[in-house]
């Protein structure tokens, strides 16, 4: 990988925000934060539907988990009712 030095002019407020982000995200300096942002945006723009697909997948996983939880609750309730009936008949 060839590395190239790039100079960027930006407002001081943006630089301050980048510095705080780099500390928050545990980067050593602003250049690493910029590379991370650029890499994320490049991936996002190279396949724009990934974010939408990820959201749909996450929603489906939550729905499946919710239905599974509901199903398990019904099984437990049915078992408890059966046990209660057995106790009443004894």
PDB file of N, CA and C in Angstrom:
ATOM      1  N   UNK A   1       0.845  -1.178   0.000  1.00  0.00           N
ATOM      2  CA  UNK A   1       0.000   0.000   0.000  1.00  0.00           C
ATOM      3  C   UNK A   1       0.887   1.237   0.000  1.00  0.00           C
ATOM      4  N   UNK A   2       0.668   2.100  -0.952  1.00  0.00           N
ATOM      5  CA  UNK A   2       1.405   3.355  -1.010  1.00  0.00           C
ATOM      6  C   UNK A   2       0.703   4.389  -0.160  1.00  0.00           C
ATOM      7  N   UNK A   3       1.480   5.110   0.591  1.00  0.00           N
ATOM      8  CA  UNK A   3       0.899   6.159   1.413  1.00  0.00           C
ATOM      9  C   UNK A   3       1.199   7.506   0.785  1.00  0.00           C
ATOM     10  N   UNK A   4       0.220   8.379   0.837  1.00  0.00           N
ATOM     11  CA  UNK A   4       0.337   9.711   0.265  1.00  0.00           C
ATOM     12  C   UNK A   4      -0.051  10.711   1.338  1.00  0.00           C
ATOM     13  N   UNK A   5       0.662  11.788   1.408  1.00  0.00           N
ATOM     14  CA  UNK A   5       0.328  12.848   2.352  1.00  0.00           C
ATOM     15  C   UNK A   5      -0.645  13.798   1.676  1.00  0.00           C
ATOM     16  N   UNK A   6      -1.724  14.103   2.382  1.00  0.00           N
ATOM     17  CA  UNK A   6      -2.752  14.992   1.862  1.00  0.00           C
ATOM     18  C   UNK A   6      -2.934  16.129   2.853  1.00  0.00           C
ATOM     19  N   UNK A   7      -3.026  17.328   2.325  1.00  0.00           N
ATOM     20  CA  UNK A   7      -3.250  18.500   3.166  1.00  0.00           C
ATOM     21  C   UNK A   7      -4.706  18.943   3.006  1.00  0.00           C
ATOM     22  N   UNK A   8      -5.348  19.219   4.133  1.00  0.00           N
ATOM     23  CA  UNK A   8      -6.760  19.599   4.102  1.00  0.00           C
ATOM     24  C   UNK A   8      -6.944  20.865   4.919  1.00  0.00           C
ATOM     25  N   UNK A   9      -7.646  21.831   4.336  1.00  0.00           N
ATOM     26  CA  UNK A   9      -7.977  23.049   5.069  1.00  0.00           C
ATOM     27  C   UNK A   9      -9.381  22.871   5.630  1.00  0.00           C
ATOM     28  N   UNK A  10      -9.524  23.224   6.911  1.00  0.00           N
ATOM     29  CA  UNK A  10     -10.839  23.100   7.530  1.00  0.00           C
ATOM     30  C   UNK A  10     -10.975  24.134   8.634  1.00  0.00           C
ATOM     31  N   UNK A  11     -12.201  24.467   8.978  1.00  0.00           N
ATOM     32  CA  UNK A  11     -12.421  25.421  10.063  1.00  0.00           C
ATOM     33  C   UNK A  11     -11.891  24.861  11.388  1.00  0.00           C
ATOM     34  N   UNK A  12     -11.510  25.761  12.251  1.00  0.00           N
ATOM     35  CA  UNK A  12     -10.957  25.360  13.542  1.00  0.00           C
ATOM     36  C   UNK A  12     -11.969  24.558  14.356  1.00  0.00           C
ATOM     37  N   UNK A  13     -13.242  24.916  14.247  1.00  0.00           N
ATOM     38  CA  UNK A  13     -14.273  24.190  15.000  1.00  0.00           C
ATOM     39  C   UNK A  13     -14.355  22.725  14.554  1.00  0.00           C
ATOM     40  N   UNK A  14     -14.181  22.489  13.257  1.00  0.00           N
ATOM     41  CA  UNK A  14     -14.204  21.120  12.756  1.00  0.00           C
ATOM     42  C   UNK A  14     -12.993  20.338  13.268  1.00  0.00           C
ATOM     43  N   UNK A  15     -11.855  20.990  13.305  1.00  0.00           N
ATOM     44  CA  UNK A  15     -10.646  20.354  13.826  1.00  0.00           C
ATOM     45  C   UNK A  15     -10.824  19.999  15.304  1.00  0.00           C
ATOM     46  N   UNK A  16     -11.411  20.902  16.054  1.00  0.00           N
ATOM     47  CA  UNK A  16     -11.666  20.644  17.474  1.00  0.00           C
ATOM     48  C   UNK A  16     -12.596  19.447  17.642  1.00  0.00           C
ATOM     49  N   UNK A  17     -13.624  19.391  16.814  1.00  0.00           N
ATOM     50  CA  UNK A  17     -14.564  18.274  16.879  1.00  0.00           C
ATOM     51  C   UNK A  17     -13.876  16.958  16.506  1.00  0.00           C
ATOM     52  N   UNK A  18     -13.025  17.001  15.489  1.00  0.00           N
ATOM     53  CA  UNK A  18     -12.286  15.799  15.102  1.00  0.00           C
ATOM     54  C   UNK A  18     -11.339  15.337  16.206  1.00  0.00           C
ATOM     55  N   UNK A  19     -10.713  16.289  16.884  1.00  0.00           N
ATOM     56  CA  UNK A  19      -9.821  15.931  17.992  1.00  0.00           C
ATOM     57  C   UNK A  19     -10.598  15.240  19.108  1.00  0.00           C
ATOM     58  N   UNK A  20     -11.768  15.782  19.426  1.00  0.00           N
ATOM     59  CA  UNK A  20     -12.563  15.162  20.495  1.00  0.00           C
ATOM     60  C   UNK A  20     -13.068  13.780  20.066  1.00  0.00           C
ATOM     61  N   UNK A  21     -13.440  13.652  18.787  1.00  0.00           N
ATOM     62  CA  UNK A  21     -13.864  12.344  18.286  1.00  0.00           C
ATOM     63  C   UNK A  21     -12.723  11.333  18.317  1.00  0.00           C
ATOM     64  N   UNK A  22     -11.524  11.785  17.968  1.00  0.00           N
ATOM     65  CA  UNK A  22     -10.384  10.867  17.962  1.00  0.00           C
ATOM     66  C   UNK A  22     -10.074  10.377  19.374  1.00  0.00           C
ATOM     67  N   UNK A  23     -10.232  11.246  20.364  1.00  0.00           N
ATOM     68  CA  UNK A  23     -10.038  10.810  21.754  1.00  0.00           C
ATOM     69  C   UNK A  23     -11.138   9.838  22.168  1.00  0.00           C
ATOM     70  N   UNK A  24     -12.371  10.167  21.805  1.00  0.00           N
ATOM     71  CA  UNK A  24     -13.512   9.327  22.168  1.00  0.00           C
ATOM     72  C   UNK A  24     -13.388   7.935  21.549  1.00  0.00           C
ATOM     73  N   UNK A  25     -12.934   7.884  20.295  1.00  0.00           N
ATOM     74  CA  UNK A  25     -12.823   6.610  19.581  1.00  0.00           C
ATOM     75  C   UNK A  25     -11.467   5.938  19.775  1.00  0.00           C
ATOM     76  N   UNK A  26     -10.651   6.496  20.661  1.00  0.00           N
ATOM     77  CA  UNK A  26      -9.350   5.923  21.035  1.00  0.00           C
ATOM     78  C   UNK A  26      -8.359   5.860  19.871  1.00  0.00           C
ATOM     79  N   UNK A  27      -8.383   6.870  19.015  1.00  0.00           N
ATOM     80  CA  UNK A  27      -7.377   6.980  17.968  1.00  0.00           C
ATOM     81  C   UNK A  27      -6.211   7.796  18.500  1.00  0.00           C
ATOM     82  N   UNK A  28      -5.050   7.579  17.912  1.00  0.00           N
ATOM     83  CA  UNK A  28      -3.864   8.297  18.373  1.00  0.00           C
ATOM     84  C   UNK A  28      -3.881   9.764  17.972  1.00  0.00           C
ATOM     85  N   UNK A  29      -4.424  10.033  16.784  1.00  0.00           N
ATOM     86  CA  UNK A  29      -4.452  11.419  16.326  1.00  0.00           C
ATOM     87  C   UNK A  29      -5.617  11.635  15.359  1.00  0.00           C
ATOM     88  N   UNK A  30      -5.719  12.861  14.874  1.00  0.00           N
ATOM     89  CA  UNK A  30      -6.824  13.251  13.992  1.00  0.00           C
ATOM     90  C   UNK A  30      -6.747  12.520  12.657  1.00  0.00           C
ATOM     91  N   UNK A  31      -5.541  12.263  12.172  1.00  0.00           N
ATOM     92  CA  UNK A  31      -5.411  11.603  10.867  1.00  0.00           C
ATOM     93  C   UNK A  31      -6.033  10.201  10.895  1.00  0.00           C
ATOM     94  N   UNK A  32      -5.880   9.477  11.987  1.00  0.00           N
ATOM     95  CA  UNK A  32      -6.509   8.157  12.086  1.00  0.00           C
ATOM     96  C   UNK A  32      -8.029   8.272  12.103  1.00  0.00           C
ATOM     97  N   UNK A  33      -8.531   9.282  12.784  1.00  0.00           N
ATOM     98  CA  UNK A  33      -9.980   9.517  12.810  1.00  0.00           C
ATOM     99  C   UNK A  33     -10.480   9.822  11.404  1.00  0.00           C
ATOM    100  N   UNK A  34      -9.767  10.674  10.677  1.00  0.00           N
ATOM    101  CA  UNK A  34     -10.156  11.006   9.301  1.00  0.00           C
ATOM    102  C   UNK A  34     -10.136   9.764   8.414  1.00  0.00           C
ATOM    103  N   UNK A  35      -9.090   8.957   8.517  1.00  0.00           N
ATOM    104  CA  UNK A  35      -9.019   7.727   7.715  1.00  0.00           C
ATOM    105  C   UNK A  35     -10.198   6.812   8.030  1.00  0.00           C
ATOM    106  N   UNK A  36     -10.549   6.717   9.290  1.00  0.00           N
ATOM    107  CA  UNK A  36     -11.674   5.876   9.683  1.00  0.00           C
ATOM    108  C   UNK A  36     -12.986   6.384   9.080  1.00  0.00           C
ATOM    109  N   UNK A  37     -13.197   7.678   9.170  1.00  0.00           N
ATOM    110  CA  UNK A  37     -14.419   8.281   8.614  1.00  0.00           C
ATOM    111  C   UNK A  37     -14.473   8.071   7.107  1.00  0.00           C
ATOM    112  N   UNK A  38     -13.361   8.319   6.430  1.00  0.00           N
ATOM    113  CA  UNK A  38     -13.313   8.174   4.972  1.00  0.00           C
ATOM    114  C   UNK A  38     -13.531   6.715   4.574  1.00  0.00           C
ATOM    115  N   UNK A  39     -12.922   5.791   5.303  1.00  0.00           N
ATOM    116  CA  UNK A  39     -13.092   4.362   5.014  1.00  0.00           C
ATOM    117  C   UNK A  39     -14.555   3.963   5.175  1.00  0.00           C
ATOM    118  N   UNK A  40     -15.188   4.393   6.261  1.00  0.00           N
ATOM    119  CA  UNK A  40     -16.602   4.064   6.499  1.00  0.00           C
ATOM    120  C   UNK A  40     -17.498   4.619   5.402  1.00  0.00           C
ATOM    121  N   UNK A  41     -17.240   5.866   5.017  1.00  0.00           N
ATOM    122  CA  UNK A  41     -18.055   6.481   3.960  1.00  0.00           C
ATOM    123  C   UNK A  41     -17.822   5.798   2.618  1.00  0.00           C
ATOM    124  N   UNK A  42     -16.578   5.419   2.323  1.00  0.00           N
ATOM    125  CA  UNK A  42     -16.282   4.739   1.062  1.00  0.00           C
ATOM    126  C   UNK A  42     -17.012   3.403   0.988  1.00  0.00           C
ATOM    127  N   UNK A  43     -17.020   2.668   2.083  1.00  0.00           N
ATOM    128  CA  UNK A  43     -17.739   1.391   2.114  1.00  0.00           C
ATOM    129  C   UNK A  43     -19.233   1.630   1.945  1.00  0.00           C
ATOM    130  N   UNK A  44     -19.740   2.646   2.617  1.00  0.00           N
ATOM    131  CA  UNK A  44     -21.171   2.958   2.531  1.00  0.00           C
ATOM    132  C   UNK A  44     -21.566   3.325   1.101  1.00  0.00           C
ATOM    133  N   UNK A  45     -20.757   4.141   0.435  1.00  0.00           N
ATOM    134  CA  UNK A  45     -21.095   4.581  -0.910  1.00  0.00           C
ATOM    135  C   UNK A  45     -20.811   3.518  -1.961  1.00  0.00           C
ATOM    136  N   UNK A  46     -19.888   2.596  -1.691  1.00  0.00           N
ATOM    137  CA  UNK A  46     -19.611   1.547  -2.669  1.00  0.00           C
ATOM    138  C   UNK A  46     -20.738   0.517  -2.709  1.00  0.00           C
ATOM    139  N   UNK A  47     -21.439   0.340  -1.603  1.00  0.00           N
ATOM    140  CA  UNK A  47     -22.602  -0.548  -1.587  1.00  0.00           C
ATOM    141  C   UNK A  47     -23.690   0.118  -0.745  1.00  0.00           C
ATOM    142  N   UNK A  48     -24.457   1.007  -1.361  1.00  0.00           N
ATOM    143  CA  UNK A  48     -25.405   1.849  -0.620  1.00  0.00           C
ATOM    144  C   UNK A  48     -26.565   1.095   0.026  1.00  0.00           C
ATOM    145  N   UNK A  49     -26.837  -0.127  -0.400  1.00  0.00           N
ATOM    146  CA  UNK A  49     -27.985  -0.844   0.148  1.00  0.00           C
ATOM    147  C   UNK A  49     -27.638  -1.652   1.391  1.00  0.00           C
ATOM    148  N   UNK A  50     -26.359  -1.737   1.730  1.00  0.00           N
ATOM    149  CA  UNK A  50     -25.959  -2.521   2.896  1.00  0.00           C
ATOM    150  C   UNK A  50     -26.607  -2.018   4.183  1.00  0.00           C
ATOM    151  N   UNK A  51     -26.672  -0.714   4.363  1.00  0.00           N
ATOM    152  CA  UNK A  51     -27.268  -0.164   5.588  1.00  0.00           C
ATOM    153  C   UNK A  51     -28.752  -0.524   5.670  1.00  0.00           C
ATOM    154  N   UNK A  52     -29.449  -0.406   4.542  1.00  0.00           N
ATOM    155  CA  UNK A  52     -30.871  -0.760   4.525  1.00  0.00           C
ATOM    156  C   UNK A  52     -31.069  -2.249   4.786  1.00  0.00           C
ATOM    157  N   UNK A  53     -30.232  -3.068   4.155  1.00  0.00           N
ATOM    158  CA  UNK A  53     -30.329  -4.508   4.370  1.00  0.00           C
ATOM    159  C   UNK A  53     -30.022  -4.870   5.816  1.00  0.00           C
ATOM    160  N   UNK A  54     -29.028  -4.217   6.399  1.00  0.00           N
ATOM    161  CA  UNK A  54     -28.671  -4.487   7.793  1.00  0.00           C
ATOM    162  C   UNK A  54     -29.846  -4.156   8.703  1.00  0.00           C
ATOM    163  N   UNK A  55     -30.544  -3.039   8.415  1.00  0.00           N
ATOM    164  CA  UNK A  55     -31.693  -2.649   9.228  1.00  0.00           C
ATOM    165  C   UNK A  55     -32.812  -3.684   9.107  1.00  0.00           C
ATOM    166  N   UNK A  56     -33.074  -4.145   7.890  1.00  0.00           N
ATOM    167  CA  UNK A  56     -34.113  -5.153   7.683  1.00  0.00           C
ATOM    168  C   UNK A  56     -33.749  -6.446   8.414  1.00  0.00           C
ATOM    169  N   UNK A  57     -32.485  -6.852   8.307  1.00  0.00           N
ATOM    170  CA  UNK A  57     -32.037  -8.073   8.986  1.00  0.00           C
ATOM    171  C   UNK A  57     -32.188  -7.931  10.494  1.00  0.00           C
ATOM    172  N   UNK A  58     -31.778  -6.789  11.031  1.00  0.00           N
ATOM    173  CA  UNK A  58     -31.908  -6.557  12.475  1.00  0.00           C
ATOM    174  C   UNK A  58     -33.366  -6.586  12.915  1.00  0.00           C
ATOM    175  N   UNK A  59     -34.242  -5.951  12.122  1.00  0.00           N
ATOM    176  CA  UNK A  59     -35.671  -5.953  12.449  1.00  0.00           C
ATOM    177  C   UNK A  59     -36.235  -7.376  12.442  1.00  0.00           C
ATOM    178  N   UNK A  60     -35.839  -8.158  11.435  1.00  0.00           N
ATOM    179  CA  UNK A  60     -36.310  -9.542  11.362  1.00  0.00           C
ATOM    180  C   UNK A  60     -35.803 -10.373  12.539  1.00  0.00           C
ATOM    181  N   UNK A  61     -34.552 -10.165  12.913  1.00  0.00           N
ATOM    182  CA  UNK A  61     -34.004 -10.901  14.051  1.00  0.00           C
ATOM    183  C   UNK A  61     -34.740 -10.547  15.337  1.00  0.00           C
ATOM    184  N   UNK A  62     -35.075  -9.281  15.505  1.00  0.00           N
ATOM    185  CA  UNK A  62     -35.830  -8.868  16.692  1.00  0.00           C
ATOM    186  C   UNK A  62     -37.223  -9.486  16.690  1.00  0.00           C
ATOM    187  N   UNK A  63     -37.860  -9.514  15.532  1.00  0.00           N
ATOM    188  CA  UNK A  63     -39.197 -10.101  15.423  1.00  0.00           C
ATOM    189  C   UNK A  63     -39.155 -11.598  15.729  1.00  0.00           C
ATOM    190  N   UNK A  64     -38.153 -12.278  15.196  1.00  0.00           N
ATOM    191  CA  UNK A  64     -38.007 -13.715  15.458  1.00  0.00           C
ATOM    192  C   UNK A  64     -37.778 -13.959  16.943  1.00  0.00           C
ATOM    193  N   UNK A  65     -36.908 -13.158  17.548  1.00  0.00           N
ATOM    194  CA  UNK A  65     -36.638 -13.307  18.984  1.00  0.00           C
ATOM    195  C   UNK A  65     -37.899 -13.050  19.797  1.00  0.00           C
ATOM    196  N   UNK A  66     -38.668 -12.045  19.406  1.00  0.00           N
ATOM    197  CA  UNK A  66     -39.910 -11.724  20.112  1.00  0.00           C
ATOM    198  C   UNK A  66     -40.906 -12.876  20.008  1.00  0.00           C
ATOM    199  N   UNK A  67     -41.055 -13.431  18.822  1.00  0.00           N
ATOM    200  CA  UNK A  67     -41.985 -14.547  18.639  1.00  0.00           C
ATOM    201  C   UNK A  67     -41.515 -15.784  19.395  1.00  0.00           C
ATOM    202  N   UNK A  68     -40.215 -16.016  19.399  1.00  0.00           N
ATOM    203  CA  UNK A  68     -39.672 -17.166  20.135  1.00  0.00           C
ATOM    204  C   UNK A  68     -39.939 -17.009  21.630  1.00  0.00           C
ATOM    205  N   UNK A  69     -39.754 -15.794  22.142  1.00  0.00           N
ATOM    206  CA  UNK A  69     -40.025 -15.533  23.555  1.00  0.00           C
ATOM    207  C   UNK A  69     -41.500 -15.765  23.866  1.00  0.00           C
ATOM    208  N   UNK A  70     -42.367 -15.287  22.993  1.00  0.00           N
ATOM    209  CA  UNK A  70     -43.810 -15.478  23.179  1.00  0.00           C
ATOM    210  C   UNK A  70     -44.155 -16.964  23.161  1.00  0.00           C
ATOM    211  N   UNK A  71     -43.554 -17.701  22.242  1.00  0.00           N
ATOM    212  CA  UNK A  71     -43.813 -19.138  22.146  1.00  0.00           C
ATOM    213  C   UNK A  71     -43.354 -19.854  23.417  1.00  0.00           C
ATOM    214  N   UNK A  72     -42.183 -19.486  23.910  1.00  0.00           N
ATOM    215  CA  UNK A  72     -41.669 -20.108  25.139  1.00  0.00           C
ATOM    216  C   UNK A  72     -42.567 -19.789  26.331  1.00  0.00           C
ATOM    217  N   UNK A  73     -43.068 -18.564  26.393  1.00  0.00           N
ATOM    218  CA  UNK A  73     -43.977 -18.197  27.479  1.00  0.00           C
ATOM    219  C   UNK A  73     -45.242 -19.042  27.427  1.00  0.00           C
ATOM    220  N   UNK A  74     -45.783 -19.245  26.222  1.00  0.00           N
ATOM    221  CA  UNK A  74     -46.995 -20.057  26.084  1.00  0.00           C
ATOM    222  C   UNK A  74     -46.742 -21.488  26.533  1.00  0.00           C
ATOM    223  N   UNK A  75     -45.581 -22.031  26.190  1.00  0.00           N
ATOM    224  CA  UNK A  75     -45.246 -23.396  26.606  1.00  0.00           C
ATOM    225  C   UNK A  75     -45.178 -23.480  28.122  1.00  0.00           C
ATOM    226  N   UNK A  76     -44.540 -22.515  28.752  1.00  0.00           N
ATOM    227  CA  UNK A  76     -44.427 -22.505  30.214  1.00  0.00           C
ATOM    228  C   UNK A  76     -45.807 -22.380  30.855  1.00  0.00           C
ATOM    229  N   UNK A  77     -46.642 -21.500  30.324  1.00  0.00           N
ATOM    230  CA  UNK A  77     -47.996 -21.320  30.861  1.00  0.00           C
ATOM    231  C   UNK A  77     -48.794 -22.613  30.726  1.00  0.00           C
ATOM    232  N   UNK A  78     -48.700 -23.262  29.564  1.00  0.00           N
ATOM    233  CA  UNK A  78     -49.411 -24.531  29.367  1.00  0.00           C
ATOM    234  C   UNK A  78     -48.924 -25.592  30.348  1.00  0.00           C
ATOM    235  N   UNK A  79     -47.611 -25.665  30.554  1.00  0.00           N
ATOM    236  CA  UNK A  79     -47.056 -26.629  31.515  1.00  0.00           C
ATOM    237  C   UNK A  79     -47.548 -26.341  32.930  1.00  0.00           C
ATOM    238  N   UNK A  80     -47.576 -25.068  33.298  1.00  0.00           N
ATOM    239  CA  UNK A  80     -48.054 -24.703  34.633  1.00  0.00           C
ATOM    240  C   UNK A  80     -49.529 -25.044  34.809  1.00  0.00           C
ATOM    241  N   UNK A  81     -50.323 -24.812  33.786  1.00  0.00           N
ATOM    242  CA  UNK A  81     -51.751 -25.153  33.859  1.00  0.00           C
ATOM    243  C   UNK A  81     -51.936 -26.660  34.002  1.00  0.00           C
ATOM    244  N   UNK A  82     -51.157 -27.419  33.250  1.00  0.00           N
ATOM    245  CA  UNK A  82     -51.240 -28.876  33.326  1.00  0.00           C
ATOM    246  C   UNK A  82     -50.858 -29.362  34.726  1.00  0.00           C
ATOM    247  N   UNK A  83     -49.798 -28.789  35.278  1.00  0.00           N
ATOM    248  CA  UNK A  83     -49.382 -29.150  36.635  1.00  0.00           C
ATOM    249  C   UNK A  83     -50.449 -28.780  37.659  1.00  0.00           C
ATOM    250  N   UNK A  84     -51.052 -27.612  37.482  1.00  0.00           N
ATOM    251  CA  UNK A  84     -52.109 -27.175  38.392  1.00  0.00           C
ATOM    252  C   UNK A  84     -53.299 -28.129  38.337  1.00  0.00           C
ATOM    253  N   UNK A  85     -53.670 -28.556  37.130  1.00  0.00           N
ATOM    254  CA  UNK A  85     -54.771 -29.511  36.982  1.00  0.00           C
ATOM    255  C   UNK A  85     -54.431 -30.842  37.641  1.00  0.00           C
ATOM    256  N   UNK A  86     -53.180 -31.280  37.479  1.00  0.00           N
ATOM    257  CA  UNK A  86     -52.761 -32.538  38.107  1.00  0.00           C
ATOM    258  C   UNK A  86     -52.834 -32.431  39.627  1.00  0.00           C
ATOM    259  N   UNK A  87     -52.430 -31.296  40.165  1.00  0.00           N
ATOM    260  CA  UNK A  87     -52.480 -31.095  41.612  1.00  0.00           C
ATOM    261  C   UNK A  87     -53.919 -31.041  42.114  1.00  0.00           C
ATOM    262  N   UNK A  88     -54.813 -30.463  41.331  1.00  0.00           N
ATOM    263  CA  UNK A  88     -56.213 -30.372  41.736  1.00  0.00           C
ATOM    264  C   UNK A  88     -56.876 -31.749  41.740  1.00  0.00           C
ATOM    265  N   UNK A  89     -56.454 -32.635  40.852  1.00  0.00           N
ATOM    266  CA  UNK A  89     -57.065 -33.963  40.756  1.00  0.00           C
ATOM    267  C   UNK A  89     -56.501 -34.933  41.784  1.00  0.00           C
ATOM    268  N   UNK A  90     -55.448 -34.582  42.463  1.00  0.00           N
ATOM    269  CA  UNK A  90     -54.869 -35.480  43.477  1.00  0.00           C
ATOM    270  C   UNK A  90     -55.585 -35.393  44.782  1.00  0.00           C
TER     271      UNK A  90
END
